[in-house]
Amino acid sequence: MKPRTGGSLGEELFIAHYCHPRRTPFSSITRLPEEEAFAAARKLAEENDGTAFGRFADFGNYYPLRIRTGKVAL
């Protein structure tokens, strides 16, 4: 599929979303209560070392950044 150009400047817009193959698309770990989010992050990090989901191994630092990003994005 060829990307569509948009806007008067002819800029190309790409929207990317990725999810774990066993998870529902467009669900965010930050929607969970904090305790559940940390438990899910531990499990994802253990089961997915070497993938993008390995970022959850540092969830103590990642979680606050995601919370702040979510507030800015809304």
Protein backbone atom coordinates (compact mmCIF):
# COMPACT_ATOMS: atom_id res chain seq x y z
CA MET A 1 0.00 0.00 0.00
CA LYS A 2 1.46 3.34 -1.03
CA PRO A 3 1.38 6.05 1.67
CA ARG A 4 -0.90 8.97 0.99
CA THR A 5 0.46 12.46 1.04
CA GLY A 6 -1.39 15.02 3.09
CA GLY A 7 -1.51 18.72 3.79
CA SER A 8 -0.52 21.51 1.49
CA LEU A 9 3.15 20.73 2.05
CA GLY A 10 2.79 17.21 0.60
CA GLU A 11 4.16 15.67 3.79
CA GLU A 12 3.85 11.93 4.24
CA LEU A 13 2.15 10.76 7.40
CA PHE A 14 2.85 7.34 8.87
CA ILE A 15 0.96 6.05 11.86
CA ALA A 16 2.44 3.01 13.55
CA HIS A 17 1.05 0.90 16.33
CA TYR A 18 2.43 -2.33 17.66
CA CYS A 19 1.09 -4.78 20.16
CA HIS A 20 2.06 -8.09 21.64
CA PRO A 21 0.70 -10.96 19.51
CA ARG A 22 -1.25 -12.29 22.50
CA ARG A 23 -2.65 -8.90 23.52
CA THR A 24 -5.50 -6.72 22.32
CA PRO A 25 -4.47 -3.88 19.97
CA PHE A 26 -4.65 -0.32 21.28
CA SER A 27 -4.67 -1.34 24.92
CA SER A 28 -2.26 0.50 27.19
CA ILE A 29 -0.58 -0.85 30.27
CA THR A 30 -1.15 2.56 31.87
CA ARG A 31 -4.91 1.94 31.89
CA LEU A 32 -4.39 -0.71 34.54
CA PRO A 33 -4.24 0.16 38.24
CA GLU A 34 -0.59 0.78 39.13
CA GLU A 35 -0.10 -2.49 41.02
CA GLU A 36 -1.55 -4.53 38.14
CA ALA A 37 0.53 -2.56 35.62
CA PHE A 38 3.75 -3.40 37.46
CA ALA A 39 2.78 -7.10 37.67
CA ALA A 40 1.95 -7.19 33.95
CA ALA A 41 5.21 -5.40 33.13
CA ARG A 42 7.23 -7.96 35.09
CA LYS A 43 5.55 -10.79 33.20
CA LEU A 44 5.99 -9.11 29.79
CA ALA A 45 9.67 -8.40 30.49
CA GLU A 46 10.34 -11.98 31.60
CA GLU A 47 8.53 -13.54 28.63
CA ASN A 48 9.89 -11.17 25.96
CA ASP A 49 13.56 -10.52 26.63
CA GLY A 50 15.23 -9.20 23.50
CA THR A 51 12.06 -7.73 22.02
CA ALA A 52 10.50 -4.28 22.28
CA PHE A 53 8.54 -5.57 25.27
CA GLY A 54 11.82 -6.00 27.16
CA ARG A 55 11.55 -2.27 27.93
CA PHE A 56 9.22 -3.26 30.73
CA ALA A 57 12.23 -4.60 32.64
CA ASP A 58 12.86 -0.98 33.68
CA PHE A 59 9.21 -0.28 34.41
CA GLY A 60 9.99 1.80 37.50
CA ASN A 61 11.39 4.46 35.17
CA TYR A 62 9.23 3.69 32.15
CA TYR A 63 5.85 3.91 33.91
CA PRO A 64 6.07 7.55 35.10
CA LEU A 65 7.21 8.62 31.62
CA ARG A 66 4.25 6.83 30.02
CA ILE A 67 1.83 8.45 32.48
CA ARG A 68 3.23 11.92 31.66
CA THR A 69 3.19 11.21 27.93
CA GLY A 70 -0.43 10.10 28.13
CA LYS A 71 -1.43 13.33 29.83
CA VAL A 72 0.32 15.43 27.19
CA ALA A 73 -1.14 13.41 24.31
CA LEU A 74 -4.69 13.91 25.51
